């Protein structure tokens, strides 16, 4: 693998991870503030996360195991912010009910 390929994989990985973080942050912020526009904005970062994953999956540099792992984690993470929002709000609803 060339140094350029390593650099590209690192940049795509950084894009995937940082975009996932911004996706979660803006999703939660939009839900907390009751601002659907901010939630919609968060989905742009979900798209960037998926593009970062594709940038690592499509080139021939990684073994199939890593490509499947990256694809799986990217798809699963698309649902993590919604799932965590449900967990947190459900937990606090039960907490306030007592």
N, C-alpha and C. Protein backbone atom coordinates (compact mmCIF):
# COMPACT_ATOMS: atom_id res chain seq x y z
N UNK A 1 0.86 -1.17 0.00
CA UNK A 1 0.00 0.00 0.00
C UNK A 1 0.91 1.23 0.00
N UNK A 2 0.57 2.19 -0.81
CA UNK A 2 1.37 3.40 -0.92
C UNK A 2 1.08 4.36 0.23
N UNK A 3 1.97 5.31 0.40
CA UNK A 3 1.75 6.31 1.46
C UNK A 3 0.51 7.15 1.15
N UNK A 4 0.23 7.37 -0.13
CA UNK A 4 -0.97 8.12 -0.50
C UNK A 4 -2.24 7.35 -0.13
N UNK A 5 -2.20 6.04 -0.31
CA UNK A 5 -3.35 5.21 0.05
C UNK A 5 -3.58 5.23 1.56
N UNK A 6 -2.49 5.17 2.33
CA UNK A 6 -2.61 5.23 3.79
C UNK A 6 -3.18 6.58 4.20
N UNK A 7 -2.66 7.65 3.59
CA UNK A 7 -3.17 8.99 3.89
C UNK A 7 -4.66 9.08 3.60
N UNK A 8 -5.07 8.59 2.43
CA UNK A 8 -6.48 8.65 2.05
C UNK A 8 -7.36 7.86 3.00
N UNK A 9 -6.91 6.67 3.38
CA UNK A 9 -7.68 5.86 4.34
C UNK A 9 -7.82 6.58 5.67
N UNK A 10 -6.73 7.22 6.12
CA UNK A 10 -6.79 7.96 7.38
C UNK A 10 -7.75 9.14 7.29
N UNK A 11 -7.71 9.85 6.16
CA UNK A 11 -8.61 11.00 6.00
C UNK A 11 -10.07 10.57 5.93
N UNK A 12 -10.34 9.49 5.21
CA UNK A 12 -11.71 8.99 5.15
C UNK A 12 -12.17 8.48 6.51
N UNK A 13 -11.26 7.85 7.24
CA UNK A 13 -11.60 7.40 8.59
C UNK A 13 -11.90 8.56 9.51
N UNK A 14 -11.09 9.61 9.40
CA UNK A 14 -11.32 10.80 10.21
C UNK A 14 -12.65 11.45 9.84
N UNK A 15 -12.97 11.48 8.55
CA UNK A 15 -14.26 12.03 8.12
C UNK A 15 -15.40 11.21 8.70
N UNK A 16 -15.28 9.89 8.63
CA UNK A 16 -16.36 9.02 9.12
C UNK A 16 -16.59 9.23 10.62
N UNK A 17 -15.52 9.26 11.39
CA UNK A 17 -15.65 9.37 12.84
C UNK A 17 -16.12 10.76 13.26
N UNK A 18 -15.52 11.80 12.69
CA UNK A 18 -15.92 13.15 13.09
C UNK A 18 -17.34 13.48 12.63
N UNK A 19 -17.71 13.04 11.43
CA UNK A 19 -19.07 13.27 10.95
C UNK A 19 -20.09 12.54 11.82
N UNK A 20 -19.74 11.33 12.27
CA UNK A 20 -20.64 10.59 13.16
C UNK A 20 -20.85 11.35 14.47
N UNK A 21 -19.79 11.95 14.98
CA UNK A 21 -19.91 12.74 16.21
C UNK A 21 -20.78 13.96 16.02
N UNK A 22 -20.58 14.67 14.91
CA UNK A 22 -21.41 15.85 14.63
C UNK A 22 -22.86 15.45 14.37
N UNK A 23 -23.05 14.31 13.73
CA UNK A 23 -24.42 13.80 13.51
C UNK A 23 -25.12 13.61 14.85
N UNK A 24 -24.47 12.93 15.77
CA UNK A 24 -25.08 12.69 17.09
C UNK A 24 -25.31 13.99 17.84
N UNK A 25 -24.33 14.90 17.77
CA UNK A 25 -24.44 16.15 18.51
C UNK A 25 -25.60 17.00 17.98
N UNK A 26 -25.68 17.18 16.67
CA UNK A 26 -26.75 18.02 16.12
C UNK A 26 -28.12 17.34 16.24
N UNK A 27 -28.15 16.02 16.16
CA UNK A 27 -29.42 15.31 16.34
C UNK A 27 -29.94 15.56 17.75
N UNK A 28 -29.08 15.35 18.75
CA UNK A 28 -29.50 15.54 20.14
C UNK A 28 -29.85 17.00 20.41
N UNK A 29 -29.06 17.91 19.88
CA UNK A 29 -29.34 19.33 20.08
C UNK A 29 -30.68 19.72 19.48
N UNK A 30 -30.95 19.24 18.28
CA UNK A 30 -32.24 19.53 17.64
C UNK A 30 -33.41 18.97 18.41
N UNK A 31 -33.24 17.77 18.94
CA UNK A 31 -34.32 17.16 19.73
C UNK A 31 -34.51 17.90 21.05
N UNK A 32 -33.41 18.27 21.71
CA UNK A 32 -33.52 18.98 22.99
C UNK A 32 -34.18 20.34 22.83
N UNK A 33 -33.84 21.03 21.75
CA UNK A 33 -34.39 22.37 21.53
C UNK A 33 -35.73 22.35 20.81
N UNK A 34 -36.17 21.17 20.37
CA UNK A 34 -37.42 21.07 19.63
C UNK A 34 -37.34 21.77 18.28
N UNK A 35 -36.18 21.67 17.63
CA UNK A 35 -35.94 22.33 16.35
C UNK A 35 -35.74 21.29 15.25
N UNK A 36 -36.79 20.97 14.50
CA UNK A 36 -36.68 19.96 13.44
C UNK A 36 -35.63 20.32 12.38
N UNK A 37 -35.39 21.59 12.18
CA UNK A 37 -34.38 22.00 11.20
C UNK A 37 -32.98 21.56 11.60
N UNK A 38 -32.70 21.60 12.88
CA UNK A 38 -31.38 21.16 13.37
C UNK A 38 -31.27 19.65 13.24
N UNK A 39 -32.36 18.95 13.52
CA UNK A 39 -32.36 17.48 13.33
C UNK A 39 -32.12 17.16 11.85
N UNK A 40 -32.79 17.88 10.96
CA UNK A 40 -32.58 17.66 9.52
C UNK A 40 -31.14 17.96 9.13
N UNK A 41 -30.56 19.01 9.71
CA UNK A 41 -29.16 19.36 9.45
C UNK A 41 -28.24 18.23 9.89
N UNK A 42 -28.59 17.54 10.97
CA UNK A 42 -27.75 16.45 11.46
C UNK A 42 -27.63 15.33 10.43
N UNK A 43 -28.66 15.16 9.62
CA UNK A 43 -28.62 14.09 8.61
C UNK A 43 -27.59 14.36 7.52
N UNK A 44 -27.19 15.61 7.33
CA UNK A 44 -26.09 15.89 6.41
C UNK A 44 -24.80 15.24 6.91
N UNK A 45 -24.61 15.26 8.22
CA UNK A 45 -23.43 14.62 8.78
C UNK A 45 -23.53 13.10 8.71
N UNK A 46 -24.75 12.57 8.79
CA UNK A 46 -24.93 11.13 8.58
C UNK A 46 -24.51 10.75 7.17
N UNK A 47 -24.85 11.59 6.21
CA UNK A 47 -24.44 11.36 4.83
C UNK A 47 -22.92 11.43 4.69
N UNK A 48 -22.30 12.43 5.33
CA UNK A 48 -20.84 12.53 5.30
C UNK A 48 -20.19 11.31 5.94
N UNK A 49 -20.79 10.81 7.00
CA UNK A 49 -20.27 9.60 7.65
C UNK A 49 -20.29 8.44 6.66
N UNK A 50 -21.39 8.29 5.96
CA UNK A 50 -21.51 7.21 4.97
C UNK A 50 -20.51 7.39 3.84
N UNK A 51 -20.28 8.63 3.42
CA UNK A 51 -19.29 8.88 2.36
C UNK A 51 -17.88 8.55 2.84
N UNK A 52 -17.58 8.86 4.10
CA UNK A 52 -16.29 8.49 4.66
C UNK A 52 -16.11 6.98 4.67
N UNK A 53 -17.17 6.27 5.01
CA UNK A 53 -17.11 4.81 5.01
C UNK A 53 -16.88 4.29 3.59
N UNK A 54 -17.60 4.85 2.63
CA UNK A 54 -17.41 4.43 1.24
C UNK A 54 -15.99 4.69 0.75
N UNK A 55 -15.41 5.79 1.21
CA UNK A 55 -14.04 6.10 0.83
C UNK A 55 -13.05 5.07 1.33
N UNK A 56 -13.39 4.38 2.40
CA UNK A 56 -12.51 3.31 2.90
C UNK A 56 -12.86 1.96 2.30
N UNK A 57 -14.13 1.77 1.95
CA UNK A 57 -14.60 0.46 1.47
C UNK A 57 -14.30 0.25 -0.02
N UNK A 58 -14.50 1.27 -0.83
CA UNK A 58 -14.40 1.10 -2.28
C UNK A 58 -12.98 0.83 -2.81
N UNK A 59 -11.95 1.52 -2.32
CA UNK A 59 -10.60 1.19 -2.83
C UNK A 59 -10.20 -0.24 -2.44
N UNK A 60 -9.28 -0.83 -3.19
CA UNK A 60 -8.93 -2.23 -2.96
C UNK A 60 -7.91 -2.47 -1.86
N UNK A 61 -7.66 -1.51 -0.99
CA UNK A 61 -6.55 -1.62 -0.05
C UNK A 61 -6.84 -2.47 1.18
N UNK A 62 -8.06 -2.54 1.62
CA UNK A 62 -8.38 -3.26 2.86
C UNK A 62 -8.88 -4.67 2.56
N UNK A 63 -8.63 -5.56 3.51
CA UNK A 63 -9.16 -6.92 3.41
C UNK A 63 -10.68 -6.88 3.54
N UNK A 64 -11.36 -7.89 3.01
CA UNK A 64 -12.83 -7.93 3.10
C UNK A 64 -13.34 -7.83 4.53
N UNK A 65 -12.66 -8.44 5.51
CA UNK A 65 -13.11 -8.36 6.90
C UNK A 65 -13.27 -6.90 7.32
N UNK A 66 -12.26 -6.07 7.04
CA UNK A 66 -12.30 -4.67 7.45
C UNK A 66 -13.37 -3.90 6.69
N UNK A 67 -13.53 -4.23 5.42
CA UNK A 67 -14.57 -3.57 4.63
C UNK A 67 -15.96 -3.87 5.18
N UNK A 68 -16.20 -5.14 5.53
CA UNK A 68 -17.50 -5.51 6.11
C UNK A 68 -17.69 -4.86 7.48
N UNK A 69 -16.64 -4.81 8.27
CA UNK A 69 -16.73 -4.20 9.59
C UNK A 69 -17.05 -2.71 9.48
N UNK A 70 -16.38 -2.02 8.57
CA UNK A 70 -16.63 -0.59 8.37
C UNK A 70 -18.05 -0.37 7.86
N UNK A 71 -18.47 -1.17 6.90
CA UNK A 71 -19.83 -1.03 6.36
C UNK A 71 -20.87 -1.29 7.44
N UNK A 72 -20.69 -2.36 8.20
CA UNK A 72 -21.64 -2.69 9.26
C UNK A 72 -21.71 -1.58 10.30
N UNK A 73 -20.55 -1.12 10.76
CA UNK A 73 -20.56 -0.08 11.79
C UNK A 73 -21.16 1.22 11.28
N UNK A 74 -20.93 1.53 10.02
CA UNK A 74 -21.49 2.76 9.46
C UNK A 74 -23.01 2.68 9.37
N UNK A 75 -23.53 1.55 8.93
CA UNK A 75 -24.98 1.38 8.83
C UNK A 75 -25.62 1.39 10.21
N UNK A 76 -25.03 0.67 11.15
CA UNK A 76 -25.59 0.61 12.50
C UNK A 76 -25.58 1.99 13.14
N UNK A 77 -24.50 2.74 12.95
CA UNK A 77 -24.41 4.04 13.61
C UNK A 77 -25.43 5.04 13.09
N UNK A 78 -25.99 4.79 11.92
CA UNK A 78 -27.04 5.68 11.44
C UNK A 78 -28.25 5.69 12.38
N UNK A 79 -28.41 4.63 13.17
CA UNK A 79 -29.55 4.52 14.08
C UNK A 79 -29.20 4.76 15.54
N UNK A 80 -27.92 4.94 15.85
CA UNK A 80 -27.51 5.11 17.25
C UNK A 80 -28.06 6.39 17.87
N UNK A 81 -27.97 7.56 17.23
CA UNK A 81 -28.50 8.76 17.88
C UNK A 81 -29.99 8.65 18.22
N UNK A 82 -30.80 8.09 17.31
CA UNK A 82 -32.22 7.92 17.60
C UNK A 82 -32.43 6.94 18.74
N UNK A 83 -31.68 5.86 18.73
CA UNK A 83 -31.80 4.86 19.80
C UNK A 83 -31.39 5.43 21.15
N UNK A 84 -30.31 6.17 21.17
CA UNK A 84 -29.86 6.76 22.44
C UNK A 84 -30.84 7.83 22.92
N UNK A 85 -31.43 8.57 21.99
CA UNK A 85 -32.43 9.56 22.39
C UNK A 85 -33.61 8.86 23.06
N UNK A 86 -34.04 7.74 22.48
CA UNK A 86 -35.14 6.99 23.06
C UNK A 86 -34.77 6.47 24.44
N UNK A 87 -33.56 5.92 24.59
CA UNK A 87 -33.12 5.38 25.89
C UNK A 87 -33.10 6.48 26.94
N UNK A 88 -32.51 7.61 26.62
CA UNK A 88 -32.37 8.70 27.59
C UNK A 88 -33.74 9.27 27.97
N UNK A 89 -34.60 9.53 26.99
CA UNK A 89 -35.90 10.11 27.32
C UNK A 89 -36.78 9.12 28.07
N UNK A 90 -36.71 7.85 27.72
CA UNK A 90 -37.49 6.83 28.43
C UNK A 90 -37.01 6.71 29.87
N UNK A 91 -35.71 6.71 30.07
CA UNK A 91 -35.14 6.62 31.41
C UNK A 91 -35.59 7.79 32.27
N UNK A 92 -35.54 8.99 31.71
CA UNK A 92 -35.90 10.17 32.49
C UNK A 92 -37.41 10.28 32.70
N UNK A 93 -38.21 9.76 31.77
CA UNK A 93 -39.66 9.74 32.00
C UNK A 93 -39.98 8.86 33.20
N UNK A 94 -39.35 7.70 33.27
CA UNK A 94 -39.57 6.81 34.41
C UNK A 94 -39.05 7.43 35.70
N UNK A 95 -37.95 8.16 35.61
CA UNK A 95 -37.36 8.82 36.77
C UNK A 95 -38.31 9.89 37.32
N UNK A 96 -38.93 10.65 36.44
CA UNK A 96 -39.83 11.72 36.87
C UNK A 96 -41.20 11.18 37.30
N UNK A 97 -41.52 9.97 36.92
CA UNK A 97 -42.80 9.38 37.30
C UNK A 97 -42.82 8.98 38.77
N UNK A 98 -41.65 8.81 39.37
CA UNK A 98 -41.60 8.38 40.78
C UNK A 98 -41.61 9.53 41.72
